[in-house]
Amino acid sequence: MRMRTARAIQLVGVGAEMAALRLCVWRSTGRALLHSKHPAQFSRANISFASLSKGRKAAISTLGVLTAGGAGLALILHQSVKASELELHAPSYPWSHGGMLSALDHASIRRGYQVYKQVCSACHSMEYLAFRNLVGVSHTEDEAKALAEEIEVVDGPDETGEMFTRPGKLSDYFPKPYASPEAARAANNGALPPDLSYIVNARHGGEDYVFSLLTGYCDPPAGVSLREGLYYNPYFPGQAIGMAPPIYNEILEYDDGTPATMSQVAKDVCTFLRWAAEPEHDQRKKMGLKLLMGSAIILPLVYYLKRHRWSVLKSRKIAYRPPK
């Protein structure tokens, strides 16, 4: 037992001596490098494509060819998809509600509802909009009630179990032009008129697309033939649209006396559709303005408190003083 202990002590001593020797060598080497007039020269790794083996050259070349081919194929497919659409992208129009703090033109919303009621409602539905949504936006409560009472709603059953019709109420939704999608297709040569409740958000370009579509009907170019019942519109995907030109100059007479030109009618109905798809438009911008004004007051106070409270903690120095 004593011999093992002595042997262990001897090994520990040898290990300590070796560690001390390594430390001395490292220190002397570092000093020599620092005080040397000729700095040490290190060999650089010279790796080039020519120095690689044939297998590695073939692997790198194959990887490069596959990468370039995949990128080219993706670009060709992207261009082919774009070429298959062949529609003209709608330009950006300066809408009065397009600014960060701009509200919707509520007079235009009222005229747009008149356009929808007299022109668009013959084929397109707005099943997610009720007459009560018009109150305080484009019509008064009495006007909205009068508009609702113009329609007949099938309700029931009554006490005898029979269905009955009644005048519309504010809680009723806008009437549908067709009883079913099949009836809508049968009346429009197989084309289904889309619901206009969220059409502005459902189409790329928003109201710019709808405005361009309504005013973009023209004669097909040379070499383009359309079958019977289709009309040429460069803004519609495929250019062949089943909807006849819906608006033209003086198609209706506005209640407020505004001239009903084609561009004015398209602008009003697009503003109405923007409100229908986003009724919280004005309220959202009001809340954003309040948030910006509140942040302008709160953020400087928070920054001052941060500097006042945390400056001591961030600038303090922690020193360790070992006990004597």
C-alpha atoms as a PDB file:
ATOM      1  CA  MET A   1       0.000   0.000   0.000  1.00  0.00           C
ATOM      2  CA  ARG A   2       2.791   2.375   0.877  1.00  0.00           C
ATOM      3  CA  MET A   3       4.589   1.512  -2.360  1.00  0.00           C
ATOM      4  CA  ARG A   4       1.460   2.338  -4.411  1.00  0.00           C
ATOM      5  CA  THR A   5       1.096   5.664  -2.614  1.00  0.00           C
ATOM      6  CA  ALA A   6       4.718   6.554  -3.235  1.00  0.00           C
ATOM      7  CA  ARG A   7       4.354   5.584  -6.879  1.00  0.00           C
ATOM      8  CA  ALA A   8       1.285   7.832  -7.260  1.00  0.00           C
ATOM      9  CA  ILE A   9       3.093  10.750  -5.605  1.00  0.00           C
ATOM     10  CA  GLN A  10       5.998  10.245  -7.967  1.00  0.00           C
ATOM     11  CA  LEU A  11       3.664  10.250 -11.008  1.00  0.00           C
ATOM     12  CA  VAL A  12       1.964  13.435  -9.800  1.00  0.00           C
ATOM     13  CA  GLY A  13       5.316  15.098  -9.439  1.00  0.00           C
ATOM     14  CA  VAL A  14       6.364  14.065 -12.925  1.00  0.00           C
ATOM     15  CA  GLY A  15       3.079  15.373 -14.345  1.00  0.00           C
ATOM     16  CA  ALA A  16       3.540  18.704 -12.584  1.00  0.00           C
ATOM     17  CA  GLU A  17       7.068  19.006 -13.914  1.00  0.00           C
ATOM     18  CA  MET A  18       5.878  18.281 -17.480  1.00  0.00           C
ATOM     19  CA  ALA A  19       3.124  20.895 -17.213  1.00  0.00           C
ATOM     20  CA  ALA A  20       5.612  23.465 -15.913  1.00  0.00           C
ATOM     21  CA  LEU A  21       7.996  22.622 -18.744  1.00  0.00           C
ATOM     22  CA  ARG A  22       5.239  23.044 -21.364  1.00  0.00           C
ATOM     23  CA  LEU A  23       4.277  26.411 -19.896  1.00  0.00           C
ATOM     24  CA  CYS A  24       7.869  27.620 -20.026  1.00  0.00           C
ATOM     25  CA  VAL A  25       8.253  26.475 -23.617  1.00  0.00           C
ATOM     26  CA  TRP A  26       4.997  28.161 -24.631  1.00  0.00           C
ATOM     27  CA  ARG A  27       5.969  31.434 -22.942  1.00  0.00           C
ATOM     28  CA  SER A  28       9.432  31.430 -24.436  1.00  0.00           C
ATOM     29  CA  THR A  29       8.079  30.664 -27.873  1.00  0.00           C
ATOM     30  CA  GLY A  30       5.498  33.457 -27.632  1.00  0.00           C
ATOM     31  CA  ARG A  31       8.136  35.956 -26.506  1.00  0.00           C
ATOM     32  CA  ALA A  32      10.423  34.862 -29.295  1.00  0.00           C
ATOM     33  CA  LEU A  33       7.673  35.403 -31.845  1.00  0.00           C
ATOM     34  CA  LEU A  34       6.829  38.828 -30.433  1.00  0.00           C
ATOM     35  CA  HIS A  35      10.412  40.076 -30.295  1.00  0.00           C
ATOM     36  CA  SER A  36      11.629  38.403 -33.481  1.00  0.00           C
ATOM     37  CA  LYS A  37      12.756  40.726 -36.268  1.00  0.00           C
ATOM     38  CA  HIS A  38      11.639  38.233 -38.877  1.00  0.00           C
ATOM     39  CA  PRO A  39       8.028  37.208 -38.359  1.00  0.00           C
ATOM     40  CA  ALA A  40       7.196  33.573 -38.747  1.00  0.00           C
ATOM     41  CA  GLN A  41       6.115  32.473 -42.167  1.00  0.00           C
ATOM     42  CA  PHE A  42       3.122  30.162 -42.378  1.00  0.00           C
ATOM     43  CA  SER A  43       2.388  28.134 -45.463  1.00  0.00           C
ATOM     44  CA  ARG A  44      -0.929  28.796 -47.115  1.00  0.00           C
ATOM     45  CA  ALA A  45      -3.171  26.031 -48.273  1.00  0.00           C
ATOM     46  CA  ASN A  46      -3.210  26.220 -52.046  1.00  0.00           C
ATOM     47  CA  ILE A  47      -6.383  24.434 -53.141  1.00  0.00           C
ATOM     48  CA  SER A  48      -7.479  24.790 -56.749  1.00  0.00           C
ATOM     49  CA  PHE A  49      -9.785  22.937 -59.089  1.00  0.00           C
ATOM     50  CA  ALA A  50      -6.814  21.630 -61.065  1.00  0.00           C
ATOM     51  CA  SER A  51      -5.303  20.002 -57.981  1.00  0.00           C
ATOM     52  CA  LEU A  52      -8.419  17.950 -57.246  1.00  0.00           C
ATOM     53  CA  SER A  53      -8.792  14.328 -58.177  1.00  0.00           C
ATOM     54  CA  LYS A  54     -10.811  13.215 -61.191  1.00  0.00           C
ATOM     55  CA  GLY A  55     -13.638  11.916 -59.013  1.00  0.00           C
ATOM     56  CA  ARG A  56     -14.011  15.215 -57.163  1.00  0.00           C
ATOM     57  CA  LYS A  57     -13.814  17.179 -60.408  1.00  0.00           C
ATOM     58  CA  ALA A  58     -16.610  15.074 -61.879  1.00  0.00           C
ATOM     59  CA  ALA A  59     -18.744  15.453 -58.749  1.00  0.00           C
ATOM     60  CA  ILE A  60     -18.350  19.255 -58.639  1.00  0.00           C
ATOM     61  CA  SER A  61     -19.052  19.569 -62.374  1.00  0.00           C
ATOM     62  CA  THR A  62     -22.165  17.405 -62.089  1.00  0.00           C
ATOM     63  CA  LEU A  63     -23.422  19.463 -59.138  1.00  0.00           C
ATOM     64  CA  GLY A  64     -22.900  22.699 -61.056  1.00  0.00           C
ATOM     65  CA  VAL A  65     -24.703  21.386 -64.150  1.00  0.00           C
ATOM     66  CA  LEU A  66     -27.657  20.156 -62.064  1.00  0.00           C
ATOM     67  CA  THR A  67     -27.923  23.479 -60.193  1.00  0.00           C
ATOM     68  CA  ALA A  68     -27.827  25.530 -63.393  1.00  0.00           C
ATOM     69  CA  GLY A  69     -30.303  23.194 -65.086  1.00  0.00           C
ATOM     70  CA  GLY A  70     -32.731  23.349 -62.161  1.00  0.00           C
ATOM     71  CA  ALA A  71     -32.577  27.142 -62.061  1.00  0.00           C
ATOM     72  CA  GLY A  72     -33.139  27.346 -65.812  1.00  0.00           C
ATOM     73  CA  LEU A  73     -36.062  24.921 -65.654  1.00  0.00           C
ATOM     74  CA  ALA A  74     -37.690  26.903 -62.840  1.00  0.00           C
ATOM     75  CA  LEU A  75     -37.303  30.132 -64.830  1.00  0.00           C
ATOM     76  CA  ILE A  76     -38.777  28.548 -67.967  1.00  0.00           C
ATOM     77  CA  LEU A  77     -41.760  27.166 -66.036  1.00  0.00           C
ATOM     78  CA  HIS A  78     -42.351  30.546 -64.410  1.00  0.00           C
ATOM     79  CA  GLN A  79     -42.286  32.294 -67.766  1.00  0.00           C
ATOM     80  CA  SER A  80     -44.599  29.663 -69.293  1.00  0.00           C
ATOM     81  CA  VAL A  81     -47.137  30.167 -66.502  1.00  0.00           C
ATOM     82  CA  LYS A  82     -47.010  33.919 -67.028  1.00  0.00           C
ATOM     83  CA  ALA A  83     -47.356  33.452 -70.770  1.00  0.00           C
ATOM     84  CA  SER A  84     -50.376  31.197 -70.321  1.00  0.00           C
ATOM     85  CA  GLU A  85     -52.256  33.918 -68.452  1.00  0.00           C
ATOM     86  CA  LEU A  86     -51.758  36.567 -71.141  1.00  0.00           C
ATOM     87  CA  GLU A  87     -53.670  39.191 -69.205  1.00  0.00           C
ATOM     88  CA  LEU A  88     -52.782  42.843 -68.979  1.00  0.00           C
ATOM     89  CA  HIS A  89     -51.973  43.917 -65.442  1.00  0.00           C
ATOM     90  CA  ALA A  90     -54.110  46.757 -64.149  1.00  0.00           C
ATOM     91  CA  PRO A  91     -52.384  50.109 -63.609  1.00  0.00           C
ATOM     92  CA  SER A  92     -52.359  51.774 -60.221  1.00  0.00           C
ATOM     93  CA  TYR A  93     -54.953  54.531 -59.896  1.00  0.00           C
ATOM     94  CA  PRO A  94     -54.797  57.425 -57.386  1.00  0.00           C
ATOM     95  CA  TRP A  95     -57.753  56.460 -55.208  1.00  0.00           C
ATOM     96  CA  SER A  96     -58.893  59.035 -52.687  1.00  0.00           C
ATOM     97  CA  HIS A  97     -58.773  56.402 -49.930  1.00  0.00           C
ATOM     98  CA  GLY A  98     -55.341  55.076 -50.874  1.00  0.00           C
ATOM     99  CA  GLY A  99     -53.363  57.202 -48.410  1.00  0.00           C
ATOM    100  CA  MET A 100     -52.313  56.056 -44.961  1.00  0.00           C
ATOM    101  CA  LEU A 101     -54.677  58.539 -43.305  1.00  0.00           C
ATOM    102  CA  SER A 102     -57.285  58.837 -46.087  1.00  0.00           C
ATOM    103  CA  ALA A 103     -60.891  57.798 -45.503  1.00  0.00           C
ATOM    104  CA  LEU A 104     -63.395  56.395 -47.958  1.00  0.00           C
ATOM    105  CA  ASP A 105     -65.570  58.782 -49.940  1.00  0.00           C
ATOM    106  CA  HIS A 106     -68.980  58.040 -48.439  1.00  0.00           C
ATOM    107  CA  ALA A 107     -70.825  59.982 -51.139  1.00  0.00           C
ATOM    108  CA  SER A 108     -69.124  57.700 -53.653  1.00  0.00           C
ATOM    109  CA  ILE A 109     -70.160  54.674 -51.581  1.00  0.00           C
ATOM    110  CA  ARG A 110     -73.790  55.814 -51.791  1.00  0.00           C
ATOM    111  CA  ARG A 111     -73.559  56.242 -55.564  1.00  0.00           C
ATOM    112  CA  GLY A 112     -71.771  52.891 -55.816  1.00  0.00           C
ATOM    113  CA  TYR A 113     -74.634  51.156 -54.049  1.00  0.00           C
ATOM    114  CA  GLN A 114     -77.000  52.736 -56.543  1.00  0.00           C
ATOM    115  CA  VAL A 115     -74.872  51.327 -59.376  1.00  0.00           C
ATOM    116  CA  TYR A 116     -74.881  47.885 -57.794  1.00  0.00           C
ATOM    117  CA  LYS A 117     -78.629  47.962 -57.217  1.00  0.00           C
ATOM    118  CA  GLN A 118     -79.564  49.118 -60.712  1.00  0.00           C
ATOM    119  CA  VAL A 119     -76.858  47.401 -62.769  1.00  0.00           C
ATOM    120  CA  CYS A 120     -74.849  44.709 -60.986  1.00  0.00           C
ATOM    121  CA  SER A 121     -77.533  43.072 -58.844  1.00  0.00           C
ATOM    122  CA  ALA A 122     -79.192  41.587 -61.928  1.00  0.00           C
ATOM    123  CA  CYS A 123     -76.427  38.953 -62.091  1.00  0.00           C
ATOM    124  CA  HIS A 124     -74.148  39.296 -59.033  1.00  0.00           C
ATOM    125  CA  SER A 125     -75.052  38.646 -55.413  1.00  0.00           C
ATOM    126  CA  MET A 126     -73.693  40.171 -52.200  1.00  0.00           C
ATOM    127  CA  GLU A 127     -74.824  37.555 -49.718  1.00  0.00           C
ATOM    128  CA  TYR A 128     -72.601  38.766 -46.868  1.00  0.00           C
ATOM    129  CA  LEU A 129     -73.960  42.328 -46.812  1.00  0.00           C
ATOM    130  CA  ALA A 130     -77.171  43.320 -45.008  1.00  0.00           C
ATOM    131  CA  PHE A 131     -79.227  46.498 -45.217  1.00  0.00           C
ATOM    132  CA  ARG A 132     -78.281  47.388 -41.661  1.00  0.00           C
ATOM    133  CA  ASN A 133     -74.647  47.734 -42.806  1.00  0.00           C
ATOM    134  CA  LEU A 134     -75.657  50.774 -44.865  1.00  0.00           C
ATOM    135  CA  VAL A 135     -76.850  52.720 -41.812  1.00  0.00           C
ATOM    136  CA  GLY A 136     -74.426  55.490 -40.885  1.00  0.00           C
ATOM    137  CA  VAL A 137     -72.210  54.799 -43.883  1.00  0.00           C
ATOM    138  CA  SER A 138     -74.140  55.733 -47.004  1.00  0.00           C
ATOM    139  CA  HIS A 139     -77.761  55.970 -45.843  1.00  0.00           C
ATOM    140  CA  THR A 140     -79.719  56.994 -42.807  1.00  0.00           C
ATOM    141  CA  GLU A 141     -81.734  54.439 -40.851  1.00  0.00           C
ATOM    142  CA  ASP A 142     -85.012  55.501 -42.463  1.00  0.00           C
ATOM    143  CA  GLU A 143     -83.496  55.313 -45.950  1.00  0.00           C
ATOM    144  CA  ALA A 144     -82.065  51.850 -45.263  1.00  0.00           C
ATOM    145  CA  LYS A 145     -85.475  50.683 -43.973  1.00  0.00           C
ATOM    146  CA  ALA A 146     -87.133  52.010 -47.121  1.00  0.00           C
ATOM    147  CA  LEU A 147     -84.606  50.149 -49.278  1.00  0.00           C
ATOM    148  CA  ALA A 148     -85.180  46.933 -47.343  1.00  0.00           C
ATOM    149  CA  GLU A 149     -88.947  47.180 -47.635  1.00  0.00           C
ATOM    150  CA  GLU A 150     -88.689  47.250 -51.415  1.00  0.00           C
ATOM    151  CA  ILE A 151     -87.872  43.524 -51.500  1.00  0.00           C
ATOM    152  CA  GLU A 152     -90.054  40.549 -50.611  1.00  0.00           C
ATOM    153  CA  VAL A 153     -88.509  37.950 -48.305  1.00  0.00           C
ATOM    154  CA  VAL A 154     -89.749  34.388 -47.965  1.00  0.00           C
ATOM    155  CA  ASP A 155     -90.071  33.655 -44.251  1.00  0.00           C
ATOM    156  CA  GLY A 156     -91.683  31.105 -42.018  1.00  0.00           C
ATOM    157  CA  PRO A 157     -93.108  28.722 -41.292  1.00  0.00           C
ATOM    158  CA  ASP A 158     -96.002  30.452 -39.584  1.00  0.00           C
ATOM    159  CA  GLU A 159     -98.417  28.999 -37.008  1.00  0.00           C
ATOM    160  CA  THR A 160    -100.021  26.833 -39.672  1.00  0.00           C
ATOM    161  CA  GLY A 161     -96.680  25.550 -40.963  1.00  0.00           C
ATOM    162  CA  GLU A 162     -96.812  27.509 -44.187  1.00  0.00           C
ATOM    163  CA  MET A 163     -94.133  29.753 -45.638  1.00  0.00           C
ATOM    164  CA  PHE A 164     -95.085  33.364 -46.275  1.00  0.00           C
ATOM    165  CA  THR A 165     -93.585  36.500 -47.786  1.00  0.00           C
ATOM    166  CA  ARG A 166     -93.000  39.720 -45.921  1.00  0.00           C
ATOM    167  CA  PRO A 167     -91.363  43.090 -46.617  1.00  0.00           C
ATOM    168  CA  GLY A 168     -87.653  43.198 -45.966  1.00  0.00           C
ATOM    169  CA  LYS A 169     -86.119  44.427 -42.710  1.00  0.00           C
ATOM    170  CA  LEU A 170     -82.791  45.960 -41.802  1.00  0.00           C
ATOM    171  CA  SER A 171     -81.529  42.580 -40.632  1.00  0.00           C
ATOM    172  CA  ASP A 172     -82.140  40.971 -44.036  1.00  0.00           C
ATOM    173  CA  TYR A 173     -79.268  40.453 -46.431  1.00  0.00           C
ATOM    174  CA  PHE A 174     -79.194  41.667 -50.000  1.00  0.00           C
ATOM    175  CA  PRO A 175     -81.383  39.475 -52.221  1.00  0.00           C
ATOM    176  CA  LYS A 176     -79.782  36.950 -54.549  1.00  0.00           C
ATOM    177  CA  PRO A 177     -80.525  37.245 -58.277  1.00  0.00           C
ATOM    178  CA  TYR A 178     -80.706  33.458 -58.710  1.00  0.00           C
ATOM    179  CA  ALA A 179     -82.071  30.719 -56.521  1.00  0.00           C
ATOM    180  CA  SER A 180     -79.035  28.438 -56.978  1.00  0.00           C
ATOM    181  CA  PRO A 181     -75.645  28.330 -58.710  1.00  0.00           C
ATOM    182  CA  GLU A 182     -77.103  26.002 -61.331  1.00  0.00           C
ATOM    183  CA  ALA A 183     -79.746  28.564 -62.216  1.00  0.00           C
ATOM    184  CA  ALA A 184     -77.062  31.247 -62.436  1.00  0.00           C
ATOM    185  CA  ARG A 185     -74.989  29.127 -64.833  1.00  0.00           C
ATOM    186  CA  ALA A 186     -78.017  28.329 -66.962  1.00  0.00           C
ATOM    187  CA  ALA A 187     -78.837  32.017 -67.335  1.00  0.00           C
ATOM    188  CA  ASN A 188     -75.263  33.039 -68.213  1.00  0.00           C
ATOM    189  CA  ASN A 189     -74.197  30.443 -70.813  1.00  0.00           C
ATOM    190  CA  GLY A 190     -72.475  28.270 -68.238  1.00  0.00           C
ATOM    191  CA  ALA A 191     -70.532  31.078 -66.509  1.00  0.00           C
ATOM    192  CA  LEU A 192     -71.105  31.601 -62.784  1.00  0.00           C
ATOM    193  CA  PRO A 193     -71.196  35.283 -61.791  1.00  0.00           C
ATOM    194  CA  PRO A 194     -69.038  35.651 -58.657  1.00  0.00           C
ATOM    195  CA  ASP A 195     -70.330  37.063 -55.418  1.00  0.00           C
ATOM    196  CA  LEU A 196     -69.187  40.665 -55.000  1.00  0.00           C
ATOM    197  CA  SER A 197     -69.020  40.840 -51.203  1.00  0.00           C
ATOM    198  CA  TYR A 198     -65.233  40.352 -51.086  1.00  0.00           C
ATOM    199  CA  ILE A 199     -64.376  40.544 -54.781  1.00  0.00           C
ATOM    200  CA  VAL A 200     -61.934  43.428 -54.263  1.00  0.00           C
ATOM    201  CA  ASN A 201     -59.844  41.393 -51.818  1.00  0.00           C
ATOM    202  CA  ALA A 202     -60.215  38.222 -53.873  1.00  0.00           C
ATOM    203  CA  ARG A 203     -58.626  39.639 -57.036  1.00  0.00           C
ATOM    204  CA  HIS A 204     -55.029  40.636 -57.597  1.00  0.00           C
ATOM    205  CA  GLY A 205     -54.931  44.393 -57.923  1.00  0.00           C
ATOM    206  CA  GLY A 206     -58.052  45.062 -55.847  1.00  0.00           C
ATOM    207  CA  GLU A 207     -60.137  47.973 -57.020  1.00  0.00           C
ATOM    208  CA  ASP A 208     -57.568  48.757 -59.737  1.00  0.00           C
ATOM    209  CA  TYR A 209     -58.367  45.414 -61.362  1.00  0.00           C
ATOM    210  CA  VAL A 210     -62.144  45.866 -61.072  1.00  0.00           C
ATOM    211  CA  PHE A 211     -61.980  49.407 -62.502  1.00  0.00           C
ATOM    212  CA  SER A 212     -59.771  48.275 -65.397  1.00  0.00           C
ATOM    213  CA  LEU A 213     -62.034  45.305 -66.081  1.00  0.00           C
ATOM    214  CA  LEU A 214     -65.175  47.435 -66.192  1.00  0.00           C
ATOM    215  CA  THR A 215     -63.655  50.032 -68.511  1.00  0.00           C
ATOM    216  CA  GLY A 216     -61.334  47.772 -70.522  1.00  0.00           C
ATOM    217  CA  TYR A 217     -63.724  46.195 -73.064  1.00  0.00           C
ATOM    218  CA  CYS A 218     -62.505  46.602 -76.612  1.00  0.00           C
ATOM    219  CA  ASP A 219     -62.469  44.876 -79.993  1.00  0.00           C
ATOM    220  CA  PRO A 220     -60.194  41.823 -80.230  1.00  0.00           C
ATOM    221  CA  PRO A 221     -56.928  42.347 -82.095  1.00  0.00           C
ATOM    222  CA  ALA A 222     -56.300  40.914 -85.528  1.00  0.00           C
ATOM    223  CA  GLY A 223     -56.010  37.157 -85.527  1.00  0.00           C
ATOM    224  CA  VAL A 224     -58.016  36.654 -82.315  1.00  0.00           C
ATOM    225  CA  SER A 225     -61.461  35.147 -82.689  1.00  0.00           C
ATOM    226  CA  LEU A 226     -63.973  34.626 -79.887  1.00  0.00           C
ATOM    227  CA  ARG A 227     -66.869  32.228 -79.857  1.00  0.00           C
ATOM    228  CA  GLU A 228     -70.401  33.513 -79.577  1.00  0.00           C
ATOM    229  CA  GLY A 229     -71.335  34.873 -76.164  1.00  0.00           C
ATOM    230  CA  LEU A 230     -67.802  35.933 -75.191  1.00  0.00           C
ATOM    231  CA  TYR A 231     -66.305  39.421 -75.145  1.00  0.00           C
ATOM    232  CA  TYR A 232     -62.709  40.579 -75.361  1.00  0.00           C
ATOM    233  CA  ASN A 233     -61.171  42.189 -72.290  1.00  0.00           C
ATOM    234  CA  PRO A 234     -57.361  42.348 -71.975  1.00  0.00           C
ATOM    235  CA  TYR A 235     -57.503  42.567 -68.165  1.00  0.00           C
ATOM    236  CA  PHE A 236     -59.413  39.308 -67.766  1.00  0.00           C
ATOM    237  CA  PRO A 237     -57.328  36.098 -67.611  1.00  0.00           C
ATOM    238  CA  GLY A 238     -57.612  34.586 -71.072  1.00  0.00           C
ATOM    239  CA  GLN A 239     -59.160  37.810 -72.472  1.00  0.00           C
ATOM    240  CA  ALA A 240     -62.441  36.012 -73.196  1.00  0.00           C
ATOM    241  CA  ILE A 241     -65.073  36.988 -70.633  1.00  0.00           C
ATOM    242  CA  GLY A 242     -68.698  35.905 -70.565  1.00  0.00           C
ATOM    243  CA  MET A 243     -69.974  39.172 -69.039  1.00  0.00           C
ATOM    244  CA  ALA A 244     -71.134  41.742 -71.539  1.00  0.00           C
ATOM    245  CA  PRO A 245     -69.920  45.334 -71.038  1.00  0.00           C
ATOM    246  CA  PRO A 246     -71.946  46.273 -67.967  1.00  0.00           C
ATOM    247  CA  ILE A 247     -71.542  50.050 -67.907  1.00  0.00           C
ATOM    248  CA  TYR A 248     -71.425  52.891 -70.385  1.00  0.00           C
ATOM    249  CA  ASN A 249     -71.987  56.625 -70.354  1.00  0.00           C
ATOM    250  CA  GLU A 250     -75.303  57.724 -68.819  1.00  0.00           C
ATOM    251  CA  ILE A 251     -76.327  54.164 -67.964  1.00  0.00           C
ATOM    252  CA  LEU A 252     -78.193  55.571 -64.956  1.00  0.00           C
ATOM    253  CA  GLU A 253     -79.032  58.879 -63.349  1.00  0.00           C
ATOM    254  CA  TYR A 254     -77.508  59.597 -59.955  1.00  0.00           C
ATOM    255  CA  ASP A 255     -79.761  60.889 -57.225  1.00  0.00           C
ATOM    256  CA  ASP A 256     -77.302  63.660 -56.326  1.00  0.00           C
ATOM    257  CA  GLY A 257     -76.961  64.884 -59.918  1.00  0.00           C
ATOM    258  CA  THR A 258     -73.391  63.678 -60.514  1.00  0.00           C
ATOM    259  CA  PRO A 259     -72.702  63.081 -64.248  1.00  0.00           C
ATOM    260  CA  ALA A 260     -72.825  59.321 -64.791  1.00  0.00           C
ATOM    261  CA  THR A 261     -69.881  58.891 -67.121  1.00  0.00           C
ATOM    262  CA  MET A 262     -68.350  55.451 -67.552  1.00  0.00           C
ATOM    263  CA  SER A 263     -65.279  56.285 -65.467  1.00  0.00           C
ATOM    264  CA  GLN A 264     -67.420  57.884 -62.736  1.00  0.00           C
ATOM    265  CA  VAL A 265     -69.729  54.870 -62.551  1.00  0.00           C
ATOM    266  CA  ALA A 266     -66.758  52.470 -62.400  1.00  0.00           C
ATOM    267  CA  LYS A 267     -65.052  54.583 -59.732  1.00  0.00           C
ATOM    268  CA  ASP A 268     -68.167  54.713 -57.554  1.00  0.00           C
ATOM    269  CA  VAL A 269     -68.920  51.001 -57.709  1.00  0.00           C
ATOM    270  CA  CYS A 270     -65.250  50.180 -56.978  1.00  0.00           C
ATOM    271  CA  THR A 271     -65.337  52.425 -53.915  1.00  0.00           C
ATOM    272  CA  PHE A 272     -68.527  50.701 -52.787  1.00  0.00           C
ATOM    273  CA  LEU A 273     -66.947  47.276 -53.269  1.00  0.00           C
ATOM    274  CA  ARG A 274     -63.874  48.364 -51.309  1.00  0.00           C
ATOM    275  CA  TRP A 275     -66.092  49.363 -48.397  1.00  0.00           C
ATOM    276  CA  ALA A 276     -68.081  46.118 -48.687  1.00  0.00           C
ATOM    277  CA  ALA A 277     -64.893  44.034 -48.523  1.00  0.00           C
ATOM    278  CA  GLU A 278     -63.353  46.139 -45.751  1.00  0.00           C
ATOM    279  CA  PRO A 279     -66.047  47.959 -43.739  1.00  0.00           C
ATOM    280  CA  GLU A 280     -63.543  48.659 -40.949  1.00  0.00           C
ATOM    281  CA  HIS A 281     -61.335  50.663 -43.338  1.00  0.00           C
ATOM    282  CA  ASP A 282     -61.906  54.079 -41.762  1.00  0.00           C
ATOM    283  CA  GLN A 283     -61.933  52.790 -38.187  1.00  0.00           C
ATOM    284  CA  ARG A 284     -58.671  50.926 -38.733  1.00  0.00           C
ATOM    285  CA  LYS A 285     -56.927  54.073 -39.931  1.00  0.00           C
ATOM    286  CA  LYS A 286     -58.354  56.087 -37.031  1.00  0.00           C
ATOM    287  CA  MET A 287     -56.999  53.560 -34.559  1.00  0.00           C
ATOM    288  CA  GLY A 288     -53.645  53.613 -36.333  1.00  0.00           C
ATOM    289  CA  LEU A 289     -53.507  57.415 -36.050  1.00  0.00           C
ATOM    290  CA  LYS A 290     -54.358  57.230 -32.339  1.00  0.00           C
ATOM    291  CA  LEU A 291     -51.650  54.620 -31.862  1.00  0.00           C
ATOM    292  CA  LEU A 292     -49.060  56.799 -33.588  1.00  0.00           C
ATOM    293  CA  MET A 293     -50.025  59.829 -31.493  1.00  0.00           C
ATOM    294  CA  GLY A 294     -49.924  57.809 -28.293  1.00  0.00           C
ATOM    295  CA  SER A 295     -46.577  56.276 -29.229  1.00  0.00           C
ATOM    296  CA  ALA A 296     -45.122  59.744 -29.864  1.00  0.00           C
ATOM    297  CA  ILE A 297     -45.893  60.591 -26.241  1.00  0.00           C
ATOM    298  CA  ILE A 298     -45.166  57.294 -24.535  1.00  0.00           C
ATOM    299  CA  LEU A 299     -41.957  56.270 -26.291  1.00  0.00           C
ATOM    300  CA  PRO A 300     -39.898  59.314 -25.166  1.00  0.00           C
ATOM    301  CA  LEU A 301     -41.091  58.761 -21.572  1.00  0.00           C
ATOM    302  CA  VAL A 302     -40.184  55.097 -21.713  1.00  0.00           C
ATOM    303  CA  TYR A 303     -36.764  55.949 -23.137  1.00  0.00           C
ATOM    304  CA  TYR A 304     -36.166  58.511 -20.377  1.00  0.00           C
ATOM    305  CA  LEU A 305     -37.173  56.044 -17.674  1.00  0.00           C
ATOM    306  CA  LYS A 306     -34.945  53.423 -19.220  1.00  0.00           C
ATOM    307  CA  ARG A 307     -31.967  55.790 -19.183  1.00  0.00           C
ATOM    308  CA  HIS A 308     -32.786  57.018 -15.676  1.00  0.00           C
ATOM    309  CA  ARG A 309     -33.398  53.637 -14.065  1.00  0.00           C
ATOM    310  CA  TRP A 310     -30.974  51.409 -15.925  1.00  0.00           C
ATOM    311  CA  SER A 311     -28.033  53.778 -16.403  1.00  0.00           C
ATOM    312  CA  VAL A 312     -26.679  52.868 -12.979  1.00  0.00           C
ATOM    313  CA  LEU A 313     -27.009  49.143 -13.555  1.00  0.00           C
ATOM    314  CA  LYS A 314     -25.562  49.288 -17.068  1.00  0.00           C
ATOM    315  CA  SER A 315     -22.561  51.432 -16.076  1.00  0.00           C
ATOM    316  CA  ARG A 316     -21.625  49.670 -12.855  1.00  0.00           C
ATOM    317  CA  LYS A 317     -18.361  47.760 -12.518  1.00  0.00           C
ATOM    318  CA  ILE A 318     -18.156  44.473 -10.687  1.00  0.00           C
ATOM    319  CA  ALA A 319     -14.769  43.875  -9.092  1.00  0.00           C
ATOM    320  CA  TYR A 320     -13.691  40.777  -7.226  1.00  0.00           C
ATOM    321  CA  ARG A 321     -11.657  41.430  -4.091  1.00  0.00           C
ATOM    322  CA  PRO A 322     -10.281  38.244  -2.665  1.00  0.00           C
ATOM    323  CA  PRO A 323     -10.173  38.062   1.100  1.00  0.00           C
ATOM    324  CA  LYS A 324      -6.794  38.801   2.666  1.00  0.00           C
END
